[in-house]
Amino acid sequence: QLQAFGGGLAQAGGSLTLSCEPSGSLYMYSLMSWYRQAPGKDRELVADITTGGDTNYADPVKGRFTISRDNAKNMVYLQMNDLKPEDTAAYYCNAGYTVAGKNILGPWGQGTLVTVSS
């Protein structure tokens, strides 16, 4: 089961690093993503990364968050810097695929809660 971990409480301007280990080999998934869901809001894409290392970021996190994948360790990371209160949310990792230019998401696992205080 896919599980994200590394969340916690941070002050505004602080940093946290989230980690995720997919079920099976990371090589099986051509697209690894981080999503978040704040209370009362829809789940939204934060960042994704392809097998080739191409990355994509949501506008609110550009320049602050960095997604990376370590195939040797079978891990995906989300480095979050300069955190803001509006980053408070449950963060979810997703292991999926890109097929014919479309992103196909896998099943959702357990998220990790990030709380940023002002």
Protein backbone atom coordinates (compact mmCIF):
# COMPACT_ATOMS: atom_id res chain seq x y z
CA GLN A 1 0.00 0.00 0.00
CA LEU A 2 1.29 3.40 -1.00
CA GLN A 3 1.97 5.56 2.02
CA ALA A 4 3.27 9.07 2.42
CA PHE A 5 5.14 10.08 5.53
CA GLY A 6 7.18 12.94 6.93
CA GLY A 7 4.41 15.41 7.66
CA GLY A 8 4.13 17.39 10.83
CA LEU A 9 3.94 20.86 12.26
CA ALA A 10 6.08 23.64 10.82
CA GLN A 11 6.24 27.37 11.21
CA ALA A 12 5.73 29.70 8.29
CA GLY A 13 9.00 29.99 6.41
CA GLY A 14 10.12 26.57 7.59
CA SER A 15 10.78 23.36 5.68
CA LEU A 16 9.59 19.77 5.63
CA THR A 17 10.46 16.80 3.46
CA LEU A 18 7.83 14.23 2.58
CA SER A 19 8.70 10.71 1.48
CA CYS A 20 6.83 7.98 -0.32
CA GLU A 21 7.63 4.39 -1.21
CA PRO A 22 5.42 2.78 -3.83
CA SER A 23 4.26 -0.80 -3.82
CA GLY A 24 6.74 -2.70 -5.94
CA SER A 25 9.56 -1.19 -7.93
CA LEU A 26 9.53 2.51 -8.71
CA TYR A 27 10.45 1.58 -12.28
CA MET A 28 6.92 0.23 -12.72
CA TYR A 29 5.46 3.74 -12.57
CA SER A 30 6.11 6.31 -15.26
CA LEU A 31 4.48 9.11 -13.26
CA MET A 32 4.85 9.79 -9.55
CA SER A 33 2.78 12.60 -8.10
CA TRP A 34 2.13 14.50 -4.91
CA TYR A 35 -1.38 15.81 -4.26
CA ARG A 36 -2.83 17.66 -1.31
CA GLN A 37 -6.26 18.21 0.15
CA ALA A 38 -7.02 21.02 2.53
CA PRO A 39 -10.11 20.87 4.78
CA GLY A 40 -13.24 21.60 2.78
CA LYS A 41 -11.40 21.70 -0.53
CA ASP A 42 -10.86 19.32 -3.42
CA ARG A 43 -7.70 17.32 -3.79
CA GLU A 44 -5.24 19.16 -6.02
CA LEU A 45 -2.01 18.36 -7.79
CA VAL A 46 1.12 19.71 -6.12
CA ALA A 47 3.85 18.25 -8.33
CA ASP A 48 4.66 15.26 -10.49
CA ILE A 49 7.73 13.66 -11.98
CA THR A 50 8.20 11.23 -14.84
CA THR A 51 10.59 8.32 -15.11
CA GLY A 52 12.84 10.54 -17.18
CA GLY A 53 12.93 13.18 -14.49
CA ASP A 54 10.63 15.75 -16.09
CA THR A 55 8.82 17.71 -13.40
CA ASN A 56 5.65 19.73 -13.21
CA TYR A 57 4.53 22.01 -10.37
CA ALA A 58 1.34 23.75 -9.41
CA ASP A 59 1.70 27.52 -9.54
CA PRO A 60 1.30 28.07 -5.76
CA VAL A 61 4.36 25.91 -4.99
CA LYS A 62 6.68 26.82 -7.85
CA GLY A 63 10.06 27.92 -6.58
CA ARG A 64 9.35 26.56 -3.09
CA PHE A 65 8.75 22.82 -3.50
CA THR A 66 10.93 20.26 -5.24
CA ILE A 67 9.86 16.77 -6.26
CA SER A 68 12.49 14.09 -6.80
CA ARG A 69 12.72 10.34 -7.22
CA ASP A 70 15.54 8.04 -6.16
CA ASN A 71 15.20 4.87 -8.18
CA ALA A 72 18.00 3.15 -6.26
CA LYS A 73 16.21 3.69 -2.94
CA ASN A 74 12.76 3.21 -4.48
CA MET A 75 11.62 6.48 -2.98
CA VAL A 76 9.95 9.70 -4.05
CA TYR A 77 10.39 12.91 -2.12
CA LEU A 78 8.76 16.32 -1.84
CA GLN A 79 11.06 18.96 -0.39
CA MET A 80 8.95 21.85 0.85
CA ASN A 81 10.66 25.14 1.65
CA ASP A 82 9.33 28.54 2.66
CA LEU A 83 6.14 26.94 3.90
CA LYS A 84 3.01 29.07 4.18
CA PRO A 85 -0.15 28.58 6.25
CA GLU A 86 -2.04 27.91 3.02
CA ASP A 87 0.14 24.84 2.48
CA THR A 88 -1.68 23.20 5.40
CA ALA A 89 -3.27 20.03 4.03
CA ALA A 90 -3.13 16.26 3.93
CA TYR A 91 -0.52 15.29 1.34
CA TYR A 92 -0.85 12.16 -0.75
CA CYS A 93 1.58 10.34 -2.96
CA ASN A 94 0.34 8.65 -6.12
CA ALA A 95 2.01 6.07 -8.35
CA GLY A 96 0.63 6.19 -11.87
CA TYR A 97 1.35 6.27 -15.55
CA THR A 98 1.43 8.51 -18.57
CA VAL A 99 -0.35 6.87 -21.49
CA ALA A 100 -0.76 8.60 -24.85
CA GLY A 101 -0.16 11.94 -23.22
CA LYS A 102 -2.73 11.39 -20.47
CA ASN A 103 -1.92 10.99 -16.80
CA ILE A 104 -3.43 7.90 -15.25
CA LEU A 105 -3.49 7.93 -11.47
CA GLY A 106 -3.15 4.82 -9.33
CA PRO A 107 -5.06 3.96 -6.16
CA TRP A 108 -4.83 6.41 -3.27
CA GLY A 109 -2.97 5.43 -0.15
CA GLN A 110 -2.69 7.00 3.25
CA GLY A 111 -1.71 10.65 3.32
CA THR A 112 0.42 12.60 5.73
CA LEU A 113 -0.75 15.77 7.42
CA VAL A 114 1.20 19.01 7.09
CA THR A 115 0.25 21.90 9.35
CA VAL A 116 1.89 25.29 8.93
CA SER A 117 1.46 27.86 11.66
CA SER A 118 1.75 31.59 11.06
